[in-house]
Amino acid sequence: MDKLTTGHLGENLACNYLKSQNYQILERNFHLGRLELDIIAAKNGQLFLLEIKTRGCPQRPDSEALISKKQIANLKKAAKHYAALKQINFNLVHFDLILVTIDRQKSSAKIKHYLDIF
């Protein structure tokens, strides 16, 4: 499975997980030029911007190792543009990370949801 296919599978699994947790998926793969927000969701009147990272082996990295400072800066930039476009108060937006670890040998996946990563 190539990187793009793995990424799409991870995003689909993340969406299914979020729906099971009563999140409403508003948008997926929202592009602003070269910037992208993987999933935009709402729950209990709050807005969540979610970065999805998919791994193909059962590693246990910490959340800081998954997103570089440059990626965080780009996510914040994209989020500010999105908030302005949708007329949303940027300070009320939550930034979460979902790590999807796919075990191809067992045909299973594990999902770890990190809340408010920055």
PDB file of N, CA and C in Angstrom:
ATOM      1  N   MET A   1       0.851  -1.171   0.000  1.00  0.00           N
ATOM      2  CA  MET A   1       0.000   0.000   0.000  1.00  0.00           C
ATOM      3  C   MET A   1       0.900   1.239   0.000  1.00  0.00           C
ATOM      4  N   ASP A   2       0.688   2.156  -0.949  1.00  0.00           N
ATOM      5  CA  ASP A   2       1.532   3.338  -1.015  1.00  0.00           C
ATOM      6  C   ASP A   2       1.109   4.368   0.034  1.00  0.00           C
ATOM      7  N   LYS A   3       1.930   5.412   0.167  1.00  0.00           N
ATOM      8  CA  LYS A   3       1.728   6.424   1.207  1.00  0.00           C
ATOM      9  C   LYS A   3       0.374   7.125   1.072  1.00  0.00           C
ATOM     10  N   LEU A   4      -0.011   7.463  -0.153  1.00  0.00           N
ATOM     11  CA  LEU A   4      -1.280   8.159  -0.379  1.00  0.00           C
ATOM     12  C   LEU A   4      -2.467   7.275  -0.002  1.00  0.00           C
ATOM     13  N   THR A   5      -2.423   6.021  -0.409  1.00  0.00           N
ATOM     14  CA  THR A   5      -3.499   5.082  -0.078  1.00  0.00           C
ATOM     15  C   THR A   5      -3.584   4.872   1.431  1.00  0.00           C
ATOM     16  N   THR A   6      -2.428   4.728   2.078  1.00  0.00           N
ATOM     17  CA  THR A   6      -2.390   4.569   3.530  1.00  0.00           C
ATOM     18  C   THR A   6      -2.987   5.792   4.208  1.00  0.00           C
ATOM     19  N   GLY A   7      -2.635   6.979   3.718  1.00  0.00           N
ATOM     20  CA  GLY A   7      -3.163   8.220   4.285  1.00  0.00           C
ATOM     21  C   GLY A   7      -4.669   8.324   4.153  1.00  0.00           C
ATOM     22  N   HIS A   8      -5.200   7.975   2.986  1.00  0.00           N
ATOM     23  CA  HIS A   8      -6.655   8.009   2.780  1.00  0.00           C
ATOM     24  C   HIS A   8      -7.363   7.003   3.692  1.00  0.00           C
ATOM     25  N   LEU A   9      -6.783   5.822   3.828  1.00  0.00           N
ATOM     26  CA  LEU A   9      -7.362   4.822   4.714  1.00  0.00           C
ATOM     27  C   LEU A   9      -7.390   5.349   6.149  1.00  0.00           C
ATOM     28  N   GLY A  10      -6.290   5.951   6.579  1.00  0.00           N
ATOM     29  CA  GLY A  10      -6.226   6.514   7.924  1.00  0.00           C
ATOM     30  C   GLY A  10      -7.266   7.599   8.147  1.00  0.00           C
ATOM     31  N   GLU A  11      -7.451   8.465   7.154  1.00  0.00           N
ATOM     32  CA  GLU A  11      -8.455   9.526   7.278  1.00  0.00           C
ATOM     33  C   GLU A  11      -9.865   8.944   7.333  1.00  0.00           C
ATOM     34  N   ASN A  12     -10.129   7.919   6.538  1.00  0.00           N
ATOM     35  CA  ASN A  12     -11.449   7.275   6.579  1.00  0.00           C
ATOM     36  C   ASN A  12     -11.707   6.633   7.943  1.00  0.00           C
ATOM     37  N   LEU A  13     -10.701   5.956   8.482  1.00  0.00           N
ATOM     38  CA  LEU A  13     -10.837   5.345   9.805  1.00  0.00           C
ATOM     39  C   LEU A  13     -11.026   6.413  10.877  1.00  0.00           C
ATOM     40  N   ALA A  14     -10.295   7.526  10.751  1.00  0.00           N
ATOM     41  CA  ALA A  14     -10.433   8.628  11.706  1.00  0.00           C
ATOM     42  C   ALA A  14     -11.842   9.218  11.651  1.00  0.00           C
ATOM     43  N   CYS A  15     -12.385   9.396  10.456  1.00  0.00           N
ATOM     44  CA  CYS A  15     -13.754   9.917  10.318  1.00  0.00           C
ATOM     45  C   CYS A  15     -14.763   8.975  10.967  1.00  0.00           C
ATOM     46  N   ASN A  16     -14.605   7.688  10.734  1.00  0.00           N
ATOM     47  CA  ASN A  16     -15.511   6.712  11.357  1.00  0.00           C
ATOM     48  C   ASN A  16     -15.425   6.782  12.879  1.00  0.00           C
ATOM     49  N   TYR A  17     -14.197   6.906  13.390  1.00  0.00           N
ATOM     50  CA  TYR A  17     -14.002   7.036  14.836  1.00  0.00           C
ATOM     51  C   TYR A  17     -14.691   8.298  15.358  1.00  0.00           C
ATOM     52  N   LEU A  18     -14.460   9.422  14.686  1.00  0.00           N
ATOM     53  CA  LEU A  18     -15.048  10.685  15.137  1.00  0.00           C
ATOM     54  C   LEU A  18     -16.571  10.620  15.139  1.00  0.00           C
ATOM     55  N   LYS A  19     -17.140  10.051  14.106  1.00  0.00           N
ATOM     56  CA  LYS A  19     -18.604   9.899  14.055  1.00  0.00           C
ATOM     57  C   LYS A  19     -19.102   9.045  15.222  1.00  0.00           C
ATOM     58  N   SER A  20     -18.348   8.011  15.569  1.00  0.00           N
ATOM     59  CA  SER A  20     -18.747   7.149  16.692  1.00  0.00           C
ATOM     60  C   SER A  20     -18.665   7.888  18.026  1.00  0.00           C
ATOM     61  N   GLN A  21     -17.896   8.989  18.048  1.00  0.00           N
ATOM     62  CA  GLN A  21     -17.755   9.810  19.245  1.00  0.00           C
ATOM     63  C   GLN A  21     -18.655  11.049  19.189  1.00  0.00           C
ATOM     64  N   ASN A  22     -19.619  11.028  18.287  1.00  0.00           N
ATOM     65  CA  ASN A  22     -20.620  12.098  18.120  1.00  0.00           C
ATOM     66  C   ASN A  22     -20.070  13.411  17.567  1.00  0.00           C
ATOM     67  N   TYR A  23     -18.998  13.341  16.805  1.00  0.00           N
ATOM     68  CA  TYR A  23     -18.516  14.509  16.065  1.00  0.00           C
ATOM     69  C   TYR A  23     -19.268  14.555  14.741  1.00  0.00           C
ATOM     70  N   GLN A  24     -19.493  15.767  14.260  1.00  0.00           N
ATOM     71  CA  GLN A  24     -20.072  15.949  12.930  1.00  0.00           C
ATOM     72  C   GLN A  24     -18.937  16.371  12.004  1.00  0.00           C
ATOM     73  N   ILE A  25     -18.699  15.623  10.948  1.00  0.00           N
ATOM     74  CA  ILE A  25     -17.651  15.960   9.986  1.00  0.00           C
ATOM     75  C   ILE A  25     -18.183  17.071   9.089  1.00  0.00           C
ATOM     76  N   LEU A  26     -17.516  18.225   9.123  1.00  0.00           N
ATOM     77  CA  LEU A  26     -17.939  19.368   8.314  1.00  0.00           C
ATOM     78  C   LEU A  26     -17.228  19.396   6.973  1.00  0.00           C
ATOM     79  N   GLU A  27     -15.917  19.130   7.005  1.00  0.00           N
ATOM     80  CA  GLU A  27     -15.129  19.160   5.764  1.00  0.00           C
ATOM     81  C   GLU A  27     -13.949  18.220   5.913  1.00  0.00           C
ATOM     82  N   ARG A  28     -13.469  17.755   4.756  1.00  0.00           N
ATOM     83  CA  ARG A  28     -12.263  16.932   4.705  1.00  0.00           C
ATOM     84  C   ARG A  28     -11.324  17.501   3.658  1.00  0.00           C
ATOM     85  N   ASN A  29     -10.030  17.431   3.964  1.00  0.00           N
ATOM     86  CA  ASN A  29      -8.988  17.871   3.027  1.00  0.00           C
ATOM     87  C   ASN A  29      -9.271  19.268   2.490  1.00  0.00           C
ATOM     88  N   PHE A  30      -9.482  20.194   3.405  1.00  0.00           N
ATOM     89  CA  PHE A  30      -9.756  21.579   3.046  1.00  0.00           C
ATOM     90  C   PHE A  30      -8.439  22.259   2.677  1.00  0.00           C
ATOM     91  N   HIS A  31      -8.336  22.721   1.433  1.00  0.00           N
ATOM     92  CA  HIS A  31      -7.099  23.327   0.933  1.00  0.00           C
ATOM     93  C   HIS A  31      -7.205  24.843   0.880  1.00  0.00           C
ATOM     94  N   LEU A  32      -6.137  25.472   1.305  1.00  0.00           N
ATOM     95  CA  LEU A  32      -5.955  26.916   1.178  1.00  0.00           C
ATOM     96  C   LEU A  32      -4.588  27.113   0.543  1.00  0.00           C
ATOM     97  N   GLY A  33      -4.543  27.171  -0.763  1.00  0.00           N
ATOM     98  CA  GLY A  33      -3.253  27.206  -1.451  1.00  0.00           C
ATOM     99  C   GLY A  33      -2.525  25.899  -1.200  1.00  0.00           C
ATOM    100  N   ARG A  34      -1.327  26.000  -0.640  1.00  0.00           N
ATOM    101  CA  ARG A  34      -0.539  24.801  -0.345  1.00  0.00           C
ATOM    102  C   ARG A  34      -0.830  24.243   1.046  1.00  0.00           C
ATOM    103  N   LEU A  35      -1.647  24.949   1.809  1.00  0.00           N
ATOM    104  CA  LEU A  35      -1.976  24.518   3.162  1.00  0.00           C
ATOM    105  C   LEU A  35      -3.196  23.599   3.133  1.00  0.00           C
ATOM    106  N   GLU A  36      -3.254  22.669   4.081  1.00  0.00           N
ATOM    107  CA  GLU A  36      -4.382  21.738   4.127  1.00  0.00           C
ATOM    108  C   GLU A  36      -4.775  21.450   5.569  1.00  0.00           C
ATOM    109  N   LEU A  37      -6.073  21.368   5.783  1.00  0.00           N
ATOM    110  CA  LEU A  37      -6.626  20.888   7.045  1.00  0.00           C
ATOM    111  C   LEU A  37      -7.267  19.533   6.741  1.00  0.00           C
ATOM    112  N   ASP A  38      -6.824  18.477   7.437  1.00  0.00           N
ATOM    113  CA  ASP A  38      -7.287  17.123   7.117  1.00  0.00           C
ATOM    114  C   ASP A  38      -8.782  16.947   7.363  1.00  0.00           C
ATOM    115  N   ILE A  39      -9.205  17.224   8.595  1.00  0.00           N
ATOM    116  CA  ILE A  39     -10.619  17.073   8.951  1.00  0.00           C
ATOM    117  C   ILE A  39     -11.048  18.270   9.787  1.00  0.00           C
ATOM    118  N   ILE A  40     -12.201  18.801   9.455  1.00  0.00           N
ATOM    119  CA  ILE A  40     -12.818  19.863  10.243  1.00  0.00           C
ATOM    120  C   ILE A  40     -14.120  19.278  10.762  1.00  0.00           C
ATOM    121  N   ALA A  41     -14.283  19.314  12.087  1.00  0.00           N
ATOM    122  CA  ALA A  41     -15.448  18.676  12.699  1.00  0.00           C
ATOM    123  C   ALA A  41     -16.020  19.562  13.799  1.00  0.00           C
ATOM    124  N   ALA A  42     -17.247  19.256  14.182  1.00  0.00           N
ATOM    125  CA  ALA A  42     -17.913  19.983  15.259  1.00  0.00           C
ATOM    126  C   ALA A  42     -18.478  18.983  16.263  1.00  0.00           C
ATOM    127  N   LYS A  43     -18.488  19.419  17.524  1.00  0.00           N
ATOM    128  CA  LYS A  43     -19.106  18.619  18.585  1.00  0.00           C
ATOM    129  C   LYS A  43     -19.502  19.564  19.707  1.00  0.00           C
ATOM    130  N   ASN A  44     -20.723  19.445  20.155  1.00  0.00           N
ATOM    131  CA  ASN A  44     -21.221  20.271  21.261  1.00  0.00           C
ATOM    132  C   ASN A  44     -20.989  21.758  21.029  1.00  0.00           C
ATOM    133  N   GLY A  45     -21.190  22.199  19.800  1.00  0.00           N
ATOM    134  CA  GLY A  45     -21.050  23.613  19.478  1.00  0.00           C
ATOM    135  C   GLY A  45     -19.620  24.107  19.375  1.00  0.00           C
ATOM    136  N   GLN A  46     -18.651  23.208  19.406  1.00  0.00           N
ATOM    137  CA  GLN A  46     -17.243  23.584  19.316  1.00  0.00           C
ATOM    138  C   GLN A  46     -16.664  23.094  17.993  1.00  0.00           C
ATOM    139  N   LEU A  47     -15.661  23.827  17.500  1.00  0.00           N
ATOM    140  CA  LEU A  47     -15.019  23.494  16.229  1.00  0.00           C
ATOM    141  C   LEU A  47     -13.675  22.822  16.484  1.00  0.00           C
ATOM    142  N   PHE A  48     -13.422  21.735  15.760  1.00  0.00           N
ATOM    143  CA  PHE A  48     -12.185  20.970  15.898  1.00  0.00           C
ATOM    144  C   PHE A  48     -11.507  20.852  14.541  1.00  0.00           C
ATOM    145  N   LEU A  49     -10.232  21.205  14.508  1.00  0.00           N
ATOM    146  CA  LEU A  49      -9.404  21.005  13.326  1.00  0.00           C
ATOM    147  C   LEU A  49      -8.479  19.841  13.667  1.00  0.00           C
ATOM    148  N   LEU A  50      -8.544  18.808  12.856  1.00  0.00           N
ATOM    149  CA  LEU A  50      -7.825  17.581  13.186  1.00  0.00           C
ATOM    150  C   LEU A  50      -6.781  17.246  12.139  1.00  0.00           C
ATOM    151  N   GLU A  51      -5.585  17.017  12.616  1.00  0.00           N
ATOM    152  CA  GLU A  51      -4.494  16.518  11.784  1.00  0.00           C
ATOM    153  C   GLU A  51      -4.479  15.003  11.956  1.00  0.00           C
ATOM    154  N   ILE A  52      -4.435  14.290  10.846  1.00  0.00           N
ATOM    155  CA  ILE A  52      -4.445  12.832  10.891  1.00  0.00           C
ATOM    156  C   ILE A  52      -3.083  12.316  10.440  1.00  0.00           C
ATOM    157  N   LYS A  53      -2.481  11.480  11.258  1.00  0.00           N
ATOM    158  CA  LYS A  53      -1.215  10.833  10.916  1.00  0.00           C
ATOM    159  C   LYS A  53      -1.451   9.332  10.905  1.00  0.00           C
ATOM    160  N   THR A  54      -1.067   8.707   9.827  1.00  0.00           N
ATOM    161  CA  THR A  54      -1.270   7.268   9.685  1.00  0.00           C
ATOM    162  C   THR A  54       0.081   6.584   9.575  1.00  0.00           C
ATOM    163  N   ARG A  55       0.256   5.550  10.365  1.00  0.00           N
ATOM    164  CA  ARG A  55       1.486   4.767  10.357  1.00  0.00           C
ATOM    165  C   ARG A  55       1.139   3.333   9.993  1.00  0.00           C
ATOM    166  N   GLY A  56       2.046   2.694   9.289  1.00  0.00           N
ATOM    167  CA  GLY A  56       1.805   1.332   8.837  1.00  0.00           C
ATOM    168  C   GLY A  56       2.399   0.263   9.715  1.00  0.00           C
ATOM    169  N   CYS A  57       2.963   0.643  10.844  1.00  0.00           N
ATOM    170  CA  CYS A  57       3.515  -0.362  11.742  1.00  0.00           C
ATOM    171  C   CYS A  57       3.222   0.053  13.179  1.00  0.00           C
ATOM    172  N   PRO A  58       3.188  -0.883  14.096  1.00  0.00           N
ATOM    173  CA  PRO A  58       2.806  -0.572  15.474  1.00  0.00           C
ATOM    174  C   PRO A  58       3.914   0.107  16.281  1.00  0.00           C
ATOM    175  N   GLN A  59       4.209   1.357  15.938  1.00  0.00           N
ATOM    176  CA  GLN A  59       5.170   2.141  16.705  1.00  0.00           C
ATOM    177  C   GLN A  59       4.422   2.859  17.826  1.00  0.00           C
ATOM    178  N   ARG A  60       5.150   3.401  18.762  1.00  0.00           N
ATOM    179  CA  ARG A  60       4.523   4.169  19.828  1.00  0.00           C
ATOM    180  C   ARG A  60       5.224   5.521  20.009  1.00  0.00           C
ATOM    181  N   PRO A  61       5.254   6.343  18.971  1.00  0.00           N
ATOM    182  CA  PRO A  61       5.886   7.649  19.133  1.00  0.00           C
ATOM    183  C   PRO A  61       4.991   8.583  19.926  1.00  0.00           C
ATOM    184  N   ASP A  62       5.609   9.575  20.577  1.00  0.00           N
ATOM    185  CA  ASP A  62       4.786  10.561  21.272  1.00  0.00           C
ATOM    186  C   ASP A  62       4.256  11.574  20.266  1.00  0.00           C
ATOM    187  N   SER A  63       3.245  12.308  20.665  1.00  0.00           N
ATOM    188  CA  SER A  63       2.569  13.203  19.727  1.00  0.00           C
ATOM    189  C   SER A  63       3.484  14.318  19.232  1.00  0.00           C
ATOM    190  N   GLU A  64       4.419  14.778  20.046  1.00  0.00           N
ATOM    191  CA  GLU A  64       5.312  15.845  19.609  1.00  0.00           C
ATOM    192  C   GLU A  64       6.191  15.404  18.446  1.00  0.00           C
ATOM    193  N   ALA A  65       6.553  14.142  18.421  1.00  0.00           N
ATOM    194  CA  ALA A  65       7.411  13.633  17.350  1.00  0.00           C
ATOM    195  C   ALA A  65       6.657  13.499  16.034  1.00  0.00           C
ATOM    196  N   LEU A  66       5.343  13.523  16.087  1.00  0.00           N
ATOM    197  CA  LEU A  66       4.548  13.323  14.885  1.00  0.00           C
ATOM    198  C   LEU A  66       4.361  14.590  14.067  1.00  0.00           C
ATOM    199  N   ILE A  67       4.437  15.733  14.708  1.00  0.00           N
ATOM    200  CA  ILE A  67       4.207  16.996  14.005  1.00  0.00           C
ATOM    201  C   ILE A  67       5.376  17.931  14.295  1.00  0.00           C
ATOM    202  N   SER A  68       6.010  18.405  13.240  1.00  0.00           N
ATOM    203  CA  SER A  68       7.144  19.314  13.390  1.00  0.00           C
ATOM    204  C   SER A  68       6.653  20.726  13.706  1.00  0.00           C
ATOM    205  N   LYS A  69       7.566  21.570  14.143  1.00  0.00           N
ATOM    206  CA  LYS A  69       7.217  22.969  14.418  1.00  0.00           C
ATOM    207  C   LYS A  69       6.735  23.670  13.155  1.00  0.00           C
ATOM    208  N   LYS A  70       7.325  23.320  12.024  1.00  0.00           N
ATOM    209  CA  LYS A  70       6.901  23.916  10.758  1.00  0.00           C
ATOM    210  C   LYS A  70       5.471  23.500  10.423  1.00  0.00           C
ATOM    211  N   GLN A  71       5.153  22.223  10.645  1.00  0.00           N
ATOM    212  CA  GLN A  71       3.788  21.751  10.385  1.00  0.00           C
ATOM    213  C   GLN A  71       2.787  22.449  11.304  1.00  0.00           C
ATOM    214  N   ILE A  72       3.155  22.638  12.564  1.00  0.00           N
ATOM    215  CA  ILE A  72       2.277  23.339  13.499  1.00  0.00           C
ATOM    216  C   ILE A  72       2.039  24.764  13.025  1.00  0.00           C
ATOM    217  N   ALA A  73       3.103  25.435  12.591  1.00  0.00           N
ATOM    218  CA  ALA A  73       2.959  26.804  12.081  1.00  0.00           C
ATOM    219  C   ALA A  73       2.031  26.830  10.868  1.00  0.00           C
ATOM    220  N   ASN A  74       2.184  25.866   9.964  1.00  0.00           N
ATOM    221  CA  ASN A  74       1.316  25.798   8.782  1.00  0.00           C
ATOM    222  C   ASN A  74      -0.131  25.501   9.160  1.00  0.00           C
ATOM    223  N   LEU A  75      -0.337  24.625  10.148  1.00  0.00           N
ATOM    224  CA  LEU A  75      -1.693  24.326  10.606  1.00  0.00           C
ATOM    225  C   LEU A  75      -2.349  25.568  11.204  1.00  0.00           C
ATOM    226  N   LYS A  76      -1.593  26.305  12.003  1.00  0.00           N
ATOM    227  CA  LYS A  76      -2.136  27.532  12.597  1.00  0.00           C
ATOM    228  C   LYS A  76      -2.480  28.552  11.520  1.00  0.00           C
ATOM    229  N   LYS A  77      -1.611  28.659  10.535  1.00  0.00           N
ATOM    230  CA  LYS A  77      -1.851  29.596   9.432  1.00  0.00           C
ATOM    231  C   LYS A  77      -3.113  29.207   8.668  1.00  0.00           C
ATOM    232  N   ALA A  78      -3.241  27.928   8.345  1.00  0.00           N
ATOM    233  CA  ALA A  78      -4.433  27.450   7.636  1.00  0.00           C
ATOM    234  C   ALA A  78      -5.678  27.659   8.488  1.00  0.00           C
ATOM    235  N   ALA A  79      -5.562  27.401   9.782  1.00  0.00           N
ATOM    236  CA  ALA A  79      -6.706  27.559  10.685  1.00  0.00           C
ATOM    237  C   ALA A  79      -7.151  29.013  10.770  1.00  0.00           C
ATOM    238  N   LYS A  80      -6.203  29.931  10.806  1.00  0.00           N
ATOM    239  CA  LYS A  80      -6.553  31.359  10.854  1.00  0.00           C
ATOM    240  C   LYS A  80      -7.282  31.776   9.582  1.00  0.00           C
ATOM    241  N   HIS A  81      -6.813  31.291   8.448  1.00  0.00           N
ATOM    242  CA  HIS A  81      -7.488  31.595   7.177  1.00  0.00           C
ATOM    243  C   HIS A  81      -8.892  30.989   7.160  1.00  0.00           C
ATOM    244  N   TYR A  82      -9.003  29.758   7.628  1.00  0.00           N
ATOM    245  CA  TYR A  82     -10.306  29.089   7.656  1.00  0.00           C
ATOM    246  C   TYR A  82     -11.267  29.840   8.582  1.00  0.00           C
ATOM    247  N   ALA A  83     -10.787  30.211   9.767  1.00  0.00           N
ATOM    248  CA  ALA A  83     -11.627  30.931  10.729  1.00  0.00           C
ATOM    249  C   ALA A  83     -12.097  32.262  10.153  1.00  0.00           C
ATOM    250  N   ALA A  84     -11.198  32.971   9.475  1.00  0.00           N
ATOM    251  CA  ALA A  84     -11.577  34.249   8.862  1.00  0.00           C
ATOM    252  C   ALA A  84     -12.600  34.028   7.750  1.00  0.00           C
ATOM    253  N   LEU A  85     -12.373  33.020   6.940  1.00  0.00           N
ATOM    254  CA  LEU A  85     -13.279  32.712   5.833  1.00  0.00           C
ATOM    255  C   LEU A  85     -14.684  32.363   6.329  1.00  0.00           C
ATOM    256  N   LYS A  86     -14.747  31.609   7.425  1.00  0.00           N
ATOM    257  CA  LYS A  86     -16.033  31.154   7.971  1.00  0.00           C
ATOM    258  C   LYS A  86     -16.560  32.080   9.073  1.00  0.00           C
ATOM    259  N   GLN A  87     -15.833  33.164   9.343  1.00  0.00           N
ATOM    260  CA  GLN A  87     -16.197  34.143  10.378  1.00  0.00           C
ATOM    261  C   GLN A  87     -16.353  33.477  11.749  1.00  0.00           C
ATOM    262  N   ILE A  88     -15.314  32.750  12.123  1.00  0.00           N
ATOM    263  CA  ILE A  88     -15.265  32.037  13.395  1.00  0.00           C
ATOM    264  C   ILE A  88     -14.149  32.643  14.229  1.00  0.00           C
ATOM    265  N   ASN A  89     -14.362  32.757  15.530  1.00  0.00           N
ATOM    266  CA  ASN A  89     -13.324  33.244  16.431  1.00  0.00           C
ATOM    267  C   ASN A  89     -12.216  32.190  16.518  1.00  0.00           C
ATOM    268  N   PHE A  90     -11.034  32.533  16.008  1.00  0.00           N
ATOM    269  CA  PHE A  90      -9.901  31.600  15.963  1.00  0.00           C
ATOM    270  C   PHE A  90      -9.556  31.065  17.351  1.00  0.00           C
ATOM    271  N   ASN A  91      -9.725  31.879  18.386  1.00  0.00           N
ATOM    272  CA  ASN A  91      -9.361  31.467  19.745  1.00  0.00           C
ATOM    273  C   ASN A  91     -10.272  30.376  20.304  1.00  0.00           C
ATOM    274  N   LEU A  92     -11.380  30.112  19.641  1.00  0.00           N
ATOM    275  CA  LEU A  92     -12.312  29.083  20.109  1.00  0.00           C
ATOM    276  C   LEU A  92     -12.136  27.751  19.383  1.00  0.00           C
ATOM    277  N   VAL A  93     -11.129  27.672  18.525  1.00  0.00           N
ATOM    278  CA  VAL A  93     -10.894  26.469  17.723  1.00  0.00           C
ATOM    279  C   VAL A  93      -9.987  25.503  18.490  1.00  0.00           C
ATOM    280  N   HIS A  94     -10.332  24.219  18.455  1.00  0.00           N
ATOM    281  CA  HIS A  94      -9.504  23.173  19.067  1.00  0.00           C
ATOM    282  C   HIS A  94      -8.662  22.504  17.984  1.00  0.00           C
ATOM    283  N   PHE A  95      -7.412  22.201  18.324  1.00  0.00           N
ATOM    284  CA  PHE A  95      -6.506  21.505  17.409  1.00  0.00           C
ATOM    285  C   PHE A  95      -6.200  20.130  17.994  1.00  0.00           C
ATOM    286  N   ASP A  96      -6.658  19.094  17.317  1.00  0.00           N
ATOM    287  CA  ASP A  96      -6.435  17.728  17.784  1.00  0.00           C
ATOM    288  C   ASP A  96      -5.600  16.957  16.768  1.00  0.00           C
ATOM    289  N   LEU A  97      -5.017  15.883  17.248  1.00  0.00           N
ATOM    290  CA  LEU A  97      -4.250  14.967  16.408  1.00  0.00           C
ATOM    291  C   LEU A  97      -4.836  13.573  16.580  1.00  0.00           C
ATOM    292  N   ILE A  98      -5.017  12.893  15.485  1.00  0.00           N
ATOM    293  CA  ILE A  98      -5.407  11.486  15.551  1.00  0.00           C
ATOM    294  C   ILE A  98      -4.302  10.667  14.895  1.00  0.00           C
ATOM    295  N   LEU A  99      -3.785   9.718  15.655  1.00  0.00           N
ATOM    296  CA  LEU A  99      -2.775   8.788  15.154  1.00  0.00           C
ATOM    297  C   LEU A  99      -3.467   7.464  14.846  1.00  0.00           C
ATOM    298  N   VAL A 100      -3.381   7.047  13.596  1.00  0.00           N
ATOM    299  CA  VAL A 100      -3.946   5.769  13.164  1.00  0.00           C
ATOM    300  C   VAL A 100      -2.770   4.842  12.866  1.00  0.00           C
ATOM    301  N   THR A 101      -2.703   3.742  13.585  1.00  0.00           N
ATOM    302  CA  THR A 101      -1.653   2.751  13.366  1.00  0.00           C
ATOM    303  C   THR A 101      -2.293   1.512  12.756  1.00  0.00           C
ATOM    304  N   ILE A 102      -1.879   1.198  11.546  1.00  0.00           N
ATOM    305  CA  ILE A 102      -2.462   0.082  10.809  1.00  0.00           C
ATOM    306  C   ILE A 102      -1.529  -1.125  10.893  1.00  0.00           C
ATOM    307  N   ASP A 103      -2.078  -2.234  11.355  1.00  0.00           N
ATOM    308  CA  ASP A 103      -1.342  -3.500  11.400  1.00  0.00           C
ATOM    309  C   ASP A 103      -1.873  -4.367  10.263  1.00  0.00           C
ATOM    310  N   ARG A 104      -1.145  -4.386   9.164  1.00  0.00           N
ATOM    311  CA  ARG A 104      -1.611  -5.112   7.978  1.00  0.00           C
ATOM    312  C   ARG A 104      -1.656  -6.621   8.193  1.00  0.00           C
ATOM    313  N   GLN A 105      -0.746  -7.134   9.016  1.00  0.00           N
ATOM    314  CA  GLN A 105      -0.717  -8.577   9.260  1.00  0.00           C
ATOM    315  C   GLN A 105      -1.973  -9.047   9.986  1.00  0.00           C
ATOM    316  N   LYS A 106      -2.473  -8.216  10.897  1.00  0.00           N
ATOM    317  CA  LYS A 106      -3.672  -8.575  11.658  1.00  0.00           C
ATOM    318  C   LYS A 106      -4.937  -7.973  11.057  1.00  0.00           C
ATOM    319  N   SER A 107      -4.784  -7.217   9.978  1.00  0.00           N
ATOM    320  CA  SER A 107      -5.916  -6.519   9.352  1.00  0.00           C
ATOM    321  C   SER A 107      -6.702  -5.719  10.386  1.00  0.00           C
ATOM    322  N   SER A 108      -5.950  -4.947  11.179  1.00  0.00           N
ATOM    323  CA  SER A 108      -6.592  -4.143  12.215  1.00  0.00           C
ATOM    324  C   SER A 108      -5.927  -2.774  12.288  1.00  0.00           C
ATOM    325  N   ALA A 109      -6.561  -1.884  13.019  1.00  0.00           N
ATOM    326  CA  ALA A 109      -6.012  -0.543  13.202  1.00  0.00           C
ATOM    327  C   ALA A 109      -6.298  -0.075  14.622  1.00  0.00           C
ATOM    328  N   LYS A 110      -5.387   0.737  15.141  1.00  0.00           N
ATOM    329  CA  LYS A 110      -5.581   1.366  16.452  1.00  0.00           C
ATOM    330  C   LYS A 110      -5.625   2.867  16.241  1.00  0.00           C
ATOM    331  N   ILE A 111      -6.489   3.512  16.991  1.00  0.00           N
ATOM    332  CA  ILE A 111      -6.646   4.958  16.877  1.00  0.00           C
ATOM    333  C   ILE A 111      -6.367   5.587  18.228  1.00  0.00           C
ATOM    334  N   LYS A 112      -5.508   6.596  18.229  1.00  0.00           N
ATOM    335  CA  LYS A 112      -5.194   7.366  19.435  1.00  0.00           C
ATOM    336  C   LYS A 112      -5.540   8.816  19.147  1.00  0.00           C
ATOM    337  N   HIS A 113      -6.388   9.411  19.975  1.00  0.00           N
ATOM    338  CA  HIS A 113      -6.854  10.783  19.783  1.00  0.00           C
ATOM    339  C   HIS A 113      -6.179  11.674  20.818  1.00  0.00           C
ATOM    340  N   TYR A 114      -5.345  12.603  20.345  1.00  0.00           N
ATOM    341  CA  TYR A 114      -4.681  13.569  21.215  1.00  0.00           C
ATOM    342  C   TYR A 114      -5.472  14.870  21.152  1.00  0.00           C
ATOM    343  N   LEU A 115      -5.959  15.326  22.291  1.00  0.00           N
ATOM    344  CA  LEU A 115      -6.785  16.525  22.357  1.00  0.00           C
ATOM    345  C   LEU A 115      -5.935  17.777  22.550  1.00  0.00           C
ATOM    346  N   ASP A 116      -6.355  18.863  21.924  1.00  0.00           N
ATOM    347  CA  ASP A 116      -5.731  20.183  22.117  1.00  0.00           C
ATOM    348  C   ASP A 116      -4.204  20.108  22.114  1.00  0.00           C
ATOM    349  N   ILE A 117      -3.640  19.726  20.976  1.00  0.00           N
ATOM    350  CA  ILE A 117      -2.192  19.512  20.890  1.00  0.00           C
ATOM    351  C   ILE A 117      -1.384  20.795  20.937  1.00  0.00           C
ATOM    352  N   PHE A 118      -2.011  21.935  20.615  1.00  0.00           N
ATOM    353  CA  PHE A 118      -1.339  23.235  20.770  1.00  0.00           C
ATOM    354  C   PHE A 118      -2.359  24.320  20.890  1.00  0.00           C
TER     355      PHE A 118
END
